[in-house]
Protein backbone atom coordinates (compact mmCIF):
# COMPACT_ATOMS: atom_id res chain seq x y z
CA MET A 1 -9.92 -8.59 78.25
CA ARG A 2 -11.98 -11.66 79.03
CA LEU A 3 -14.46 -10.69 76.31
CA HIS A 4 -11.60 -10.46 73.81
CA VAL A 5 -10.51 -14.01 74.65
CA LYS A 6 -14.11 -15.23 74.27
CA LEU A 7 -14.35 -13.53 70.88
CA LYS A 8 -11.07 -15.07 69.79
CA GLU A 9 -12.26 -18.55 70.82
CA PHE A 10 -15.55 -18.00 68.99
CA LEU A 11 -13.78 -16.89 65.82
CA SER A 12 -11.44 -19.89 65.93
CA MET A 13 -14.42 -22.24 66.38
CA PHE A 14 -16.24 -20.50 63.51
CA PHE A 15 -13.18 -20.85 61.28
CA MET A 16 -12.84 -24.54 62.16
CA ALA A 17 -16.52 -25.06 61.35
CA ILE A 18 -16.06 -23.38 57.95
CA LEU A 19 -13.11 -25.68 57.26
CA PHE A 20 -14.86 -28.78 58.61
CA PHE A 21 -18.31 -28.63 57.03
CA PRO A 22 -17.26 -28.82 53.35
CA ALA A 23 -15.24 -31.97 54.12
CA PHE A 24 -18.20 -33.38 56.06
CA ASN A 25 -20.59 -32.63 53.19
CA ALA A 26 -18.16 -34.19 50.71
CA SER A 27 -17.94 -37.35 52.82
CA LEU A 28 -21.75 -37.52 52.80
CA PHE A 29 -22.30 -36.77 49.12
CA LEU A 30 -19.36 -38.55 47.46
CA PRO A 31 -20.69 -42.10 48.09
CA GLU A 32 -24.03 -41.09 46.53
CA LEU A 33 -22.21 -39.63 43.54
CA ASN A 34 -20.24 -42.86 43.17
CA LEU A 35 -23.51 -44.80 43.17
CA TYR A 36 -24.90 -42.55 40.44
CA ILE A 37 -21.73 -42.92 38.36
CA GLN A 38 -21.86 -46.71 38.61
């Protein structure tokens, strides 16, 4: 039972990371793209 809770927490963290990293990468790369456009 405890293992199941650990697995559920790990999956939720993994899902949050998948959602978070594209936004983080966009926040890093968008200013550089704006510099190239200008």
